[in-house]
Protein backbone atom coordinates (compact mmCIF):
# COMPACT_ATOMS: atom_id res chain seq x y z
CA VAL A 1 -20.97 -2.43 13.27
CA VAL A 2 -17.45 -1.88 14.97
CA VAL A 3 -14.36 -1.79 12.14
CA VAL A 4 -11.46 -2.88 13.32
CA PRO A 5 -8.30 -2.29 11.61
CA PRO A 6 -5.89 -4.82 10.54
CA PRO A 7 -2.94 -5.62 12.99
CA PRO A 8 0.11 -4.01 11.80
CA PRO A 9 2.38 -6.24 9.81
CA ASP A 10 5.87 -6.76 11.16
CA GLY A 11 8.99 -5.64 10.25
CA THR A 12 10.03 -8.09 7.42
CA THR A 13 6.36 -7.87 5.64
CA THR A 14 6.78 -4.33 6.03
CA PHE A 15 9.96 -4.21 4.59
CA LEU A 16 8.76 -6.40 1.48
CA CYS A 17 5.78 -4.27 1.17
CA LEU A 18 8.47 -1.29 0.24
CA ILE A 19 9.87 -3.57 -1.84
CA LEU A 20 7.13 -4.13 -3.88
CA ALA A 21 6.23 -0.60 -3.63
CA PHE A 22 8.52 0.50 -5.84
CA PHE A 23 7.90 -1.98 -8.86
CA ILE A 24 4.12 -2.54 -8.19
CA PRO A 25 2.90 0.00 -5.91
CA PRO A 26 -0.48 -1.25 -5.72
CA LEU A 27 0.55 -4.75 -4.75
CA GLY A 28 2.50 -3.28 -1.92
CA VAL A 29 -0.23 -1.60 -0.56
CA PHE A 30 -2.81 -4.67 -1.13
CA LEU A 31 -0.34 -6.70 0.95
CA LYS A 32 -0.69 -4.39 4.00
CA TYR A 33 -4.34 -3.14 3.24
CA LYS A 34 -5.99 -5.99 1.21
CA CYS A 35 -8.56 -4.79 -0.91
CA GLU A 36 -9.65 -1.01 1.30
CA ILE A 37 -9.48 2.37 0.25
CA GLU A 38 -5.70 2.69 0.89
CA PHE A 39 -5.20 0.16 -2.51
CA TRP A 40 -7.77 1.58 -4.50
CA ILE A 41 -6.52 4.91 -4.26
CA CYS A 42 -3.19 3.76 -5.11
CA LEU A 43 -4.28 1.97 -7.93
CA ILE A 44 -5.66 5.06 -9.35
CA LEU A 45 -2.62 7.50 -8.87
CA THR A 46 -0.16 4.35 -10.65
CA PHE A 47 -2.71 4.53 -13.10
CA LEU A 48 -2.72 7.93 -13.78
CA ALA A 49 1.05 8.36 -13.07
CA TYR A 50 3.70 5.99 -11.95
CA ALA A 51 5.42 8.18 -9.78
CA PRO A 52 2.74 9.48 -7.78
CA GLY A 53 1.48 5.95 -6.87
CA ILE A 54 4.87 5.02 -5.77
CA ILE A 55 4.79 8.09 -3.32
CA TYR A 56 1.29 7.47 -1.87
CA ALA A 57 2.19 3.44 -1.66
CA VAL A 58 5.41 4.35 0.54
CA TRP A 59 3.28 6.66 2.38
CA VAL A 60 0.65 4.44 2.97
CA ILE A 61 3.01 1.38 4.27
CA VAL A 62 4.93 3.78 6.31
CA LYS A 63 2.48 5.32 8.51
């Protein structure tokens, strides 16, 4: 089975994801990765402490 990553979003979508990452980190990651592991990691980090969730979300969206 070959897993194909989703196509990278355009600049507008990335900007929107970054804005959402500051307010609701898992939502910004969800818009880019759907329900992949990045979303779940961000959700757990956000529940544990809000700041690590934001940092991880921004890092994942920008990479």
